Every structure is written in structure tokens, then in C-alpha cells.
Amino acid sequence: MKRYFLAFLLIMAFTLTGCGPRSGKKQVDRDTGSDTCNVAAAVDTVTKAPETVQELPIPEEPVLEMVTSMGSMKIKLYKETPLHRDNFVQLVRKGYYNGLLFHRVIKDFMIQAGDPFTRDTTKVDLYGSGGPNYTVPAEIVPGLTHKKGAVAAARKADSVNPERASSGSQFYIVQSEEGCAHLDGAYTVFGEVIDGLNVVDNISKVETNPRGLPYYPIKIISVKEIK
């Protein structure tokens, strides 16, 4: 009798486990890239600190070299946005951005990257909705504006993200010569391109589909700390 009772318990445990929520089945709002006044990232639902990869200290204003398939640029991260700075550097140290694509390119506006789905061409319909499954609290600092070359964090829309928390990994670089002042105060600007703005301009000129996805893939080959 005891043997049958134990077997019954095992069957019940298996059944309950199988009815739990499945990872990767979240319903998400998808950004189509048709609104040039919006910079969106669709997933990233839980706010938490990124997992620390190395114990090496992070400089106050680190400088990174981003090598792309269309050239290299240098990016300085701001000390005024330490949560975004530290998160970006920790992802760089993990090699998170290596091999990702610029999945949304809009001339005279911005270029966007940081979605891990872009490593997989079979997931093209999901481009723009990927991330590391956490958000970073907003660090919107007066004076850090969307000037040309500004590096800022993509995020969900205000309607579902009233606290304006940033995507854990998706970022965009302002390409517009006049900047994008209409985004000031709404998105976290956490760095700027200090060398290689011509690369940003060249990427912005490539042909894209209606969603802003380049027909010829523009890849981030590597990102590394140089200062």
C-alpha cells in the first residue's frame, strides 16, 4: 500500500510541474519601427541588478571601442548615470554585444542595437523584442541631451512603463545632425560617441525594410574597454 501511495505522489508532482508557466511564452508589445519619434524595446519586464561578471572596478567614465562591420567608434559612458554605465560595462565584459546586429536604422534619427535575438536569422520577426530579462531604473539627468552621437537606452512605451525603466541591453545612438530634443527627459542618455560619428552616419544611410531592418546585416563585431 505504501508503495502505491508513493507512486501516486510522484505522479501528482510531475503533473503540477508540467502545468507551470513556460519561459519564452510572454506576450509582448512589438515595436514596428514605423514611428520615428519613439525608441522602443519590447521585453525586459523585471527590474534587477545585472549579474556581476568580474570584480574589476569600473572606471568613473569608461571609454569603449565598438567595432562594427562598417567601422569602429569610441563611446564614453557618463558618471552621472552609474546604473546604466555599470550595466553596459558588465554586459561588454561578458561579450554580450559581440555578434549582434543593428536591427533598427532610421536616417536622420538614430541607429539601434542590443537585441540578442539578432544573432539568429530565424528569429527575424522577434527583432526588437529581446533582452536579458531585466530592466534598469531610469536615470534621466538634466543636461544629458539627445545631441548627435548621444547613446541612450531603449525602453517600453509610457503606457506600459510609466516609470520609464530602460531595456537591460538595447541602446540607440542619435544620428540626426540637429539631435532629437523631443526625446529629452523621456529616455536615459548614458553616453556619447567621441570618435567615429562618420560610422554612425554611414550605418544610417543603408537601405532598410519598412521596419528599419537593414537589408544587408550591420553587425557589432566586438566591444571592449580601452580606458
Protein backbone atom coordinates (compact mmCIF):
# COMPACT_ATOMS: atom_id res chain seq x y z
CA MET A 1 0.00 0.00 0.00
CA LYS A 2 2.83 2.37 0.94
CA ARG A 3 4.45 1.69 -2.47
CA TYR A 4 1.25 2.69 -4.35
CA PHE A 5 0.92 5.85 -2.24
CA LEU A 6 4.48 6.94 -3.09
CA ALA A 7 3.86 6.31 -6.78
CA PHE A 8 0.71 8.45 -6.57
CA LEU A 9 2.67 11.33 -5.02
CA LEU A 10 5.31 11.18 -7.77
CA ILE A 11 2.65 11.32 -10.49
CA MET A 12 0.99 14.34 -8.85
CA ALA A 13 4.31 16.19 -8.52
CA PHE A 14 5.08 15.67 -12.21
CA THR A 15 1.61 16.84 -13.23
CA LEU A 16 1.79 20.06 -11.20
CA THR A 17 5.25 20.87 -12.55
CA GLY A 18 4.08 20.45 -16.14
CA CYS A 19 1.24 22.94 -15.62
CA GLY A 20 3.52 25.80 -14.53
CA PRO A 21 4.26 28.88 -16.67
CA ARG A 22 6.61 28.28 -19.60
CA SER A 23 9.58 30.52 -20.19
CA GLY A 24 9.74 32.32 -23.53
CA LYS A 25 5.94 32.49 -23.92
CA LYS A 26 5.43 36.05 -22.65
CA GLN A 27 3.05 38.22 -24.63
CA VAL A 28 4.89 41.38 -25.59
CA ASP A 29 4.16 44.63 -27.36
CA ARG A 30 6.16 44.71 -30.55
CA ASP A 31 7.60 47.92 -31.99
CA THR A 32 7.41 48.09 -35.77
CA GLY A 33 9.85 50.94 -36.26
CA SER A 34 7.24 52.99 -38.09
CA ASP A 35 7.13 55.81 -35.51
CA THR A 36 10.32 57.83 -35.84
CA CYS A 37 9.58 59.69 -32.59
CA ASN A 38 9.69 56.56 -30.47
CA VAL A 39 12.53 54.30 -29.41
CA ALA A 40 11.19 51.06 -28.05
CA ALA A 41 12.34 47.76 -26.64
CA ALA A 42 9.62 45.28 -26.03
CA VAL A 43 10.64 42.66 -23.46
CA ASP A 44 12.63 43.30 -20.24
CA THR A 45 9.99 43.04 -17.55
CA VAL A 46 11.81 42.62 -14.23
CA THR A 47 13.92 45.34 -12.67
CA LYS A 48 17.03 43.94 -11.02
CA ALA A 49 20.76 44.46 -10.93
CA PRO A 50 22.78 42.65 -13.63
CA GLU A 51 24.86 39.71 -12.53
CA THR A 52 28.40 40.81 -11.77
CA VAL A 53 30.85 39.09 -14.11
CA GLN A 54 34.19 40.37 -12.91
CA GLU A 55 35.32 42.02 -9.71
CA LEU A 56 37.44 44.53 -11.61
CA PRO A 57 36.43 48.09 -10.70
CA ILE A 58 34.50 50.06 -13.30
CA PRO A 59 36.07 53.42 -14.19
CA GLU A 60 34.12 56.57 -13.43
CA GLU A 61 33.81 57.40 -17.13
CA PRO A 62 34.88 54.34 -19.12
CA VAL A 63 35.68 54.54 -22.81
CA LEU A 64 34.75 51.60 -25.03
CA GLU A 65 35.66 50.69 -28.58
CA MET A 66 32.80 49.27 -30.63
CA VAL A 67 33.95 47.55 -33.80
CA THR A 68 31.21 47.10 -36.39
CA SER A 69 31.13 45.65 -39.86
CA MET A 70 31.12 49.25 -41.15
CA GLY A 71 33.92 50.63 -38.99
CA SER A 72 34.84 51.45 -35.40
CA MET A 73 33.63 54.05 -32.93
CA LYS A 74 34.65 55.06 -29.42
CA ILE A 75 31.98 55.57 -26.77
CA LYS A 76 32.35 57.35 -23.44
CA LEU A 77 29.88 56.41 -20.68
CA TYR A 78 28.75 59.06 -18.22
CA LYS A 79 29.46 59.04 -14.48
CA GLU A 80 26.09 60.75 -13.92
CA THR A 81 24.26 57.53 -14.91
CA PRO A 82 26.08 54.87 -12.86
CA LEU A 83 23.41 52.16 -13.11
CA HIS A 84 23.41 52.27 -16.91
CA ARG A 85 27.19 52.67 -17.06
CA ASP A 86 27.84 49.65 -14.85
CA ASN A 87 25.23 47.52 -16.60
CA PHE A 88 26.66 48.28 -20.05
CA VAL A 89 30.23 47.57 -18.96
CA GLN A 90 29.26 44.29 -17.32
CA LEU A 91 27.48 43.17 -20.50
CA VAL A 92 30.56 44.16 -22.52
CA ARG A 93 32.76 42.08 -20.22
CA LYS A 94 30.51 39.08 -20.86
CA GLY A 95 30.79 39.57 -24.64
CA TYR A 96 27.02 40.10 -24.75
CA TYR A 97 27.08 42.54 -27.67
CA ASN A 98 29.53 40.63 -29.85
CA GLY A 99 27.74 39.40 -32.97
CA LEU A 100 24.55 41.43 -32.52
CA LEU A 101 23.01 43.45 -35.35
CA PHE A 102 21.81 47.00 -35.69
CA HIS A 103 18.19 45.94 -36.10
CA ARG A 104 16.57 49.36 -36.45
CA VAL A 105 18.12 52.11 -38.57
CA ILE A 106 16.31 55.36 -39.39
CA LYS A 107 18.18 58.01 -41.36
CA ASP A 108 18.20 61.47 -39.76
CA PHE A 109 17.08 59.91 -36.47
CA MET A 110 19.04 57.06 -34.85
CA ILE A 111 20.53 53.56 -35.12
CA GLN A 112 19.51 50.88 -32.60
CA ALA A 113 21.09 47.59 -31.43
CA GLY A 114 21.43 45.32 -28.41
CA ASP A 115 18.81 42.63 -29.07
CA PRO A 116 20.21 39.11 -28.55
CA PHE A 117 17.58 37.66 -30.92
CA THR A 118 19.50 39.27 -33.80
CA ARG A 119 22.12 36.53 -33.60
CA ASP A 120 19.54 34.17 -35.11
CA THR A 121 18.16 34.90 -38.60
CA THR A 122 15.26 32.50 -37.96
CA LYS A 123 14.00 34.92 -35.28
CA VAL A 124 13.81 37.97 -37.51
CA ASP A 125 10.16 38.54 -36.58
CA LEU A 126 11.27 38.94 -32.95
CA TYR A 127 13.98 41.51 -33.61
CA GLY A 128 13.44 44.45 -31.29
CA SER A 129 11.81 42.40 -28.54
CA GLY A 130 14.84 40.72 -26.95
CA GLY A 131 16.94 41.46 -23.91
CA PRO A 132 18.48 39.97 -20.78
CA ASN A 133 15.10 39.79 -18.96
CA TYR A 134 15.64 42.69 -16.60
CA THR A 135 15.27 46.45 -16.78
CA VAL A 136 17.45 49.27 -15.47
CA PRO A 137 15.79 52.06 -13.45
CA ALA A 138 15.57 55.35 -15.32
CA GLU A 139 18.45 57.81 -14.82
CA ILE A 140 17.14 60.82 -16.70
CA VAL A 141 19.60 63.61 -15.91
CA PRO A 142 19.01 67.25 -16.91
CA GLY A 143 21.80 68.37 -19.19
CA LEU A 144 22.40 64.93 -20.73
CA THR A 145 20.63 65.55 -24.01
CA HIS A 146 19.92 63.73 -27.25
CA LYS A 147 22.61 65.53 -29.20
CA LYS A 148 24.17 63.92 -32.25
CA GLY A 149 26.17 60.89 -31.10
CA ALA A 150 24.32 60.54 -27.81
CA VAL A 151 24.00 56.93 -26.60
CA ALA A 152 20.69 56.23 -24.86
CA ALA A 153 18.69 53.27 -23.62
CA ALA A 154 15.66 51.99 -25.49
CA ARG A 155 12.59 51.09 -23.43
CA LYS A 156 8.92 50.16 -23.44
CA ALA A 157 6.35 52.88 -24.06
CA ASP A 158 4.97 55.02 -21.23
CA SER A 159 1.59 53.29 -21.44
CA VAL A 160 3.09 50.06 -20.09
CA ASN A 161 6.18 51.55 -18.48
CA PRO A 162 5.23 54.74 -16.60
CA GLU A 163 8.50 54.67 -14.62
CA ARG A 164 10.43 54.78 -17.92
CA ALA A 165 12.71 51.91 -16.92
CA SER A 166 15.29 51.12 -19.61
CA SER A 167 15.86 47.93 -21.54
CA GLY A 168 18.56 45.81 -19.98
CA SER A 169 20.59 45.79 -23.20
CA GLN A 170 19.04 47.66 -26.13
CA PHE A 171 20.51 51.06 -26.89
CA TYR A 172 20.40 53.63 -29.67
CA ILE A 173 22.78 56.25 -30.99
CA VAL A 174 21.40 59.58 -32.19
CA GLN A 175 22.35 60.26 -35.80
CA SER A 176 20.34 63.39 -36.53
CA GLU A 177 22.54 66.44 -37.10
CA GLU A 178 20.11 68.56 -35.08
CA GLY A 179 19.81 65.99 -32.32
CA CYS A 180 16.49 64.69 -31.01
CA ALA A 181 15.39 67.21 -28.39
CA HIS A 182 11.86 65.75 -28.39
CA LEU A 183 13.29 62.69 -26.59
CA ASP A 184 14.99 64.69 -23.82
CA GLY A 185 13.53 63.91 -20.42
CA ALA A 186 11.89 60.72 -21.67
CA TYR A 187 14.80 58.33 -22.20
CA THR A 188 18.05 57.80 -20.29
CA VAL A 189 21.09 59.20 -22.10
CA PHE A 190 24.12 57.44 -20.63
CA GLY A 191 27.00 58.09 -23.03
CA GLU A 192 28.18 59.56 -26.30
CA VAL A 193 30.26 58.68 -29.34
CA ILE A 194 33.52 60.61 -29.01
CA ASP A 195 35.15 59.24 -32.16
CA GLY A 196 33.62 57.60 -35.22
CA LEU A 197 30.49 59.66 -35.87
CA ASN A 198 31.12 59.03 -39.56
CA VAL A 199 30.45 55.35 -38.88
CA VAL A 200 27.10 56.24 -37.32
CA ASP A 201 26.31 58.34 -40.41
CA ASN A 202 27.29 55.55 -42.79
CA ILE A 203 25.16 52.99 -40.96
CA SER A 204 22.19 55.37 -41.07
CA LYS A 205 22.36 55.53 -44.87
CA VAL A 206 21.95 51.81 -45.60
CA GLU A 207 18.79 50.53 -47.23
CA THR A 208 16.23 49.06 -44.87
CA ASN A 209 12.83 47.43 -44.91
CA PRO A 210 9.77 49.35 -43.58
CA ARG A 211 10.64 48.27 -40.01
CA GLY A 212 14.11 49.81 -40.27
CA LEU A 213 15.96 46.49 -40.52
CA PRO A 214 18.92 46.81 -42.93
CA TYR A 215 18.70 44.51 -45.95
CA TYR A 216 22.42 43.87 -45.56
CA PRO A 217 23.21 42.97 -41.92
CA ILE A 218 25.22 45.55 -39.96
CA LYS A 219 26.98 43.63 -37.19
CA ILE A 220 28.68 44.58 -33.94
CA ILE A 221 31.85 42.52 -34.16
CA SER A 222 33.17 43.36 -30.71
CA VAL A 223 33.00 45.86 -27.86
CA LYS A 224 35.91 46.25 -25.45
CA GLU A 225 37.08 48.60 -22.73
CA ILE A 226 40.01 50.80 -23.71
CA LYS A 227 40.00 53.20 -20.75
